[in-house]
Amino acid sequence: MGPATPLPSSPALTPRHSSSFQAKEVEATIEEMLIRLDEFCGLTDLIRRDTSQILDEHIPLIKTKVTEMNGIYTKVDKLEVCHVDI
Protein backbone atom coordinates (compact mmCIF):
# COMPACT_ATOMS: atom_id res chain seq x y z
CA MET A 1 0.00 0.00 0.00
CA GLY A 2 1.25 3.39 -0.90
CA PRO A 3 0.66 6.69 0.76
CA ALA A 4 -2.98 7.56 1.30
CA THR A 5 -4.28 9.91 -1.28
CA PRO A 6 -6.19 12.84 0.13
CA LEU A 7 -9.88 12.90 -0.60
CA PRO A 8 -11.04 15.75 -2.76
CA SER A 9 -12.57 18.47 -0.71
CA SER A 10 -16.36 18.44 -0.92
CA PRO A 11 -18.01 21.80 -1.67
CA ALA A 12 -20.47 21.11 1.14
CA LEU A 13 -17.63 21.05 3.64
CA THR A 14 -15.94 24.27 2.67
CA PRO A 15 -16.38 27.24 5.00
CA ARG A 16 -17.83 29.32 2.19
CA HIS A 17 -20.59 26.80 1.54
CA SER A 18 -21.19 26.37 5.26
CA SER A 19 -21.76 30.09 5.83
CA SER A 20 -24.00 30.22 2.75
CA PHE A 21 -26.04 27.33 4.14
CA GLN A 22 -26.27 29.04 7.54
CA ALA A 23 -27.39 32.28 5.90
CA LYS A 24 -30.15 30.41 4.08
CA GLU A 25 -31.25 28.78 7.34
CA VAL A 26 -31.35 32.18 9.04
CA GLU A 27 -33.34 33.65 6.15
CA ALA A 28 -35.82 30.77 6.30
CA THR A 29 -36.19 31.20 10.06
CA ILE A 30 -36.74 34.93 9.70
CA GLU A 31 -39.31 34.35 6.96
CA GLU A 32 -41.17 31.87 9.18
CA MET A 33 -41.12 34.34 12.08
CA LEU A 34 -42.47 37.12 9.84
CA ILE A 35 -45.32 34.85 8.75
CA ARG A 36 -46.15 34.07 12.39
CA LEU A 37 -45.95 37.78 13.28
CA ASP A 38 -48.35 38.62 10.45
CA GLU A 39 -50.78 35.94 11.68
CA PHE A 40 -50.52 37.30 15.23
CA CYS A 41 -51.20 40.86 14.05
CA GLY A 42 -54.23 39.65 12.12
CA LEU A 43 -55.53 37.90 15.21
CA THR A 44 -55.06 40.97 17.41
CA ASP A 45 -56.85 43.13 14.82
CA LEU A 46 -59.75 40.68 14.82
CA ILE A 47 -59.95 40.76 18.61
CA ARG A 48 -59.81 44.56 18.60
CA ARG A 49 -62.67 44.77 16.07
CA ASP A 50 -64.77 42.29 18.05
CA THR A 51 -64.13 44.19 21.27
CA SER A 52 -65.15 47.47 19.64
CA GLN A 53 -68.32 45.89 18.30
CA ILE A 54 -69.18 44.52 21.74
CA LEU A 55 -68.57 47.87 23.42
CA ASP A 56 -70.34 49.95 20.77
CA GLU A 57 -73.29 47.72 19.89
CA HIS A 58 -73.95 44.88 22.29
CA ILE A 59 -73.49 46.55 25.67
CA PRO A 60 -76.01 49.34 24.95
CA LEU A 61 -78.52 46.68 23.85
CA ILE A 62 -77.90 44.71 27.03
CA LYS A 63 -78.38 47.83 29.15
CA THR A 64 -81.72 48.48 27.43
CA LYS A 65 -82.84 44.90 28.06
CA VAL A 66 -81.80 45.12 31.72
CA THR A 67 -83.94 48.24 32.12
CA GLU A 68 -86.88 46.46 30.46
CA MET A 69 -86.39 43.39 32.66
CA ASN A 70 -86.30 45.53 35.82
CA GLY A 71 -89.77 46.81 34.87
CA ILE A 72 -90.97 43.25 34.34
CA TYR A 73 -89.51 42.15 37.69
CA THR A 74 -91.39 44.99 39.41
CA LYS A 75 -94.65 43.86 37.79
CA VAL A 76 -94.01 40.23 38.82
CA ASP A 77 -93.33 41.34 42.40
CA LYS A 78 -96.65 43.25 42.42
CA LEU A 79 -98.46 40.19 41.06
CA GLU A 80 -96.93 38.04 43.79
CA VAL A 81 -98.15 40.49 46.44
CA CYS A 82 -101.65 40.43 44.91
CA HIS A 83 -101.59 36.62 44.75
CA VAL A 84 -100.67 36.36 48.44
CA ASP A 85 -103.54 38.72 49.35
CA ILE A 86 -106.09 36.63 47.47
C-alpha atoms as a PDB file:
ATOM      1  CA  MET A   1       0.000   0.000   0.000  1.00  0.00           C
ATOM      2  CA  GLY A   2       1.254   3.390  -0.897  1.00  0.00           C
ATOM      3  CA  PRO A   3       0.663   6.689   0.763  1.00  0.00           C
ATOM      4  CA  ALA A   4      -2.976   7.556   1.297  1.00  0.00           C
ATOM      5  CA  THR A   5      -4.284   9.910  -1.284  1.00  0.00           C
ATOM      6  CA  PRO A   6      -6.188  12.840   0.127  1.00  0.00           C
ATOM      7  CA  LEU A   7      -9.879  12.896  -0.604  1.00  0.00           C
ATOM      8  CA  PRO A   8     -11.037  15.745  -2.757  1.00  0.00           C
ATOM      9  CA  SER A   9     -12.574  18.475  -0.709  1.00  0.00           C
ATOM     10  CA  SER A  10     -16.358  18.439  -0.915  1.00  0.00           C
ATOM     11  CA  PRO A  11     -18.010  21.801  -1.675  1.00  0.00           C
ATOM     12  CA  ALA A  12     -20.466  21.107   1.137  1.00  0.00           C
ATOM     13  CA  LEU A  13     -17.633  21.052   3.645  1.00  0.00           C
ATOM     14  CA  THR A  14     -15.936  24.266   2.673  1.00  0.00           C
ATOM     15  CA  PRO A  15     -16.381  27.244   5.004  1.00  0.00           C
ATOM     16  CA  ARG A  16     -17.833  29.318   2.185  1.00  0.00           C
ATOM     17  CA  HIS A  17     -20.594  26.796   1.537  1.00  0.00           C
ATOM     18  CA  SER A  18     -21.186  26.370   5.257  1.00  0.00           C
ATOM     19  CA  SER A  19     -21.764  30.087   5.831  1.00  0.00           C
ATOM     20  CA  SER A  20     -23.995  30.223   2.751  1.00  0.00           C
ATOM     21  CA  PHE A  21     -26.037  27.334   4.141  1.00  0.00           C
ATOM     22  CA  GLN A  22     -26.271  29.039   7.542  1.00  0.00           C
ATOM     23  CA  ALA A  23     -27.388  32.277   5.904  1.00  0.00           C
ATOM     24  CA  LYS A  24     -30.149  30.412   4.075  1.00  0.00           C
ATOM     25  CA  GLU A  25     -31.246  28.784   7.337  1.00  0.00           C
ATOM     26  CA  VAL A  26     -31.352  32.181   9.043  1.00  0.00           C
ATOM     27  CA  GLU A  27     -33.341  33.653   6.147  1.00  0.00           C
ATOM     28  CA  ALA A  28     -35.818  30.769   6.297  1.00  0.00           C
ATOM     29  CA  THR A  29     -36.188  31.196  10.060  1.00  0.00           C
ATOM     30  CA  ILE A  30     -36.741  34.935   9.698  1.00  0.00           C
ATOM     31  CA  GLU A  31     -39.312  34.349   6.958  1.00  0.00           C
ATOM     32  CA  GLU A  32     -41.166  31.871   9.185  1.00  0.00           C
ATOM     33  CA  MET A  33     -41.116  34.345  12.079  1.00  0.00           C
ATOM     34  CA  LEU A  34     -42.470  37.118   9.835  1.00  0.00           C
ATOM     35  CA  ILE A  35     -45.318  34.853   8.746  1.00  0.00           C
ATOM     36  CA  ARG A  36     -46.151  34.070  12.389  1.00  0.00           C
ATOM     37  CA  LEU A  37     -45.953  37.777  13.277  1.00  0.00           C
ATOM     38  CA  ASP A  38     -48.353  38.619  10.453  1.00  0.00           C
ATOM     39  CA  GLU A  39     -50.777  35.938  11.676  1.00  0.00           C
ATOM     40  CA  PHE A  40     -50.524  37.298  15.227  1.00  0.00           C
ATOM     41  CA  CYS A  41     -51.200  40.862  14.053  1.00  0.00           C
ATOM     42  CA  GLY A  42     -54.234  39.652  12.117  1.00  0.00           C
ATOM     43  CA  LEU A  43     -55.533  37.899  15.211  1.00  0.00           C
ATOM     44  CA  THR A  44     -55.058  40.973  17.408  1.00  0.00           C
ATOM     45  CA  ASP A  45     -56.854  43.133  14.820  1.00  0.00           C
ATOM     46  CA  LEU A  46     -59.751  40.681  14.815  1.00  0.00           C
ATOM     47  CA  ILE A  47     -59.949  40.759  18.615  1.00  0.00           C
ATOM     48  CA  ARG A  48     -59.805  44.557  18.599  1.00  0.00           C
ATOM     49  CA  ARG A  49     -62.672  44.770  16.072  1.00  0.00           C
ATOM     50  CA  ASP A  50     -64.766  42.286  18.049  1.00  0.00           C
ATOM     51  CA  THR A  51     -64.128  44.193  21.271  1.00  0.00           C
ATOM     52  CA  SER A  52     -65.146  47.474  19.644  1.00  0.00           C
ATOM     53  CA  GLN A  53     -68.316  45.886  18.299  1.00  0.00           C
ATOM     54  CA  ILE A  54     -69.178  44.517  21.735  1.00  0.00           C
ATOM     55  CA  LEU A  55     -68.567  47.869  23.424  1.00  0.00           C
ATOM     56  CA  ASP A  56     -70.337  49.950  20.770  1.00  0.00           C
ATOM     57  CA  GLU A  57     -73.292  47.720  19.885  1.00  0.00           C
ATOM     58  CA  HIS A  58     -73.952  44.883  22.287  1.00  0.00           C
ATOM     59  CA  ILE A  59     -73.486  46.547  25.673  1.00  0.00           C
ATOM     60  CA  PRO A  60     -76.011  49.343  24.954  1.00  0.00           C
ATOM     61  CA  LEU A  61     -78.523  46.677  23.852  1.00  0.00           C
ATOM     62  CA  ILE A  62     -77.896  44.707  27.032  1.00  0.00           C
ATOM     63  CA  LYS A  63     -78.382  47.833  29.154  1.00  0.00           C
ATOM     64  CA  THR A  64     -81.717  48.483  27.426  1.00  0.00           C
ATOM     65  CA  LYS A  65     -82.836  44.897  28.056  1.00  0.00           C
ATOM     66  CA  VAL A  66     -81.804  45.124  31.722  1.00  0.00           C
ATOM     67  CA  THR A  67     -83.944  48.240  32.116  1.00  0.00           C
ATOM     68  CA  GLU A  68     -86.883  46.456  30.461  1.00  0.00           C
ATOM     69  CA  MET A  69     -86.390  43.390  32.659  1.00  0.00           C
ATOM     70  CA  ASN A  70     -86.300  45.527  35.818  1.00  0.00           C
ATOM     71  CA  GLY A  71     -89.773  46.814  34.870  1.00  0.00           C
ATOM     72  CA  ILE A  72     -90.975  43.248  34.339  1.00  0.00           C
ATOM     73  CA  TYR A  73     -89.508  42.152  37.688  1.00  0.00           C
ATOM     74  CA  THR A  74     -91.388  44.987  39.406  1.00  0.00           C
ATOM     75  CA  LYS A  75     -94.651  43.855  37.788  1.00  0.00           C
ATOM     76  CA  VAL A  76     -94.005  40.228  38.817  1.00  0.00           C
ATOM     77  CA  ASP A  77     -93.332  41.343  42.398  1.00  0.00           C
ATOM     78  CA  LYS A  78     -96.646  43.250  42.423  1.00  0.00           C
ATOM     79  CA  LEU A  79     -98.464  40.190  41.056  1.00  0.00           C
ATOM     80  CA  GLU A  80     -96.928  38.038  43.791  1.00  0.00           C
ATOM     81  CA  VAL A  81     -98.150  40.489  46.439  1.00  0.00           C
ATOM     82  CA  CYS A  82    -101.650  40.429  44.908  1.00  0.00           C
ATOM     83  CA  HIS A  83    -101.591  36.621  44.752  1.00  0.00           C
ATOM     84  CA  VAL A  84    -100.669  36.364  48.441  1.00  0.00           C
ATOM     85  CA  ASP A  85    -103.535  38.723  49.345  1.00  0.00           C
ATOM     86  CA  ILE A  86    -106.094  36.626  47.473  1.00  0.00           C
END
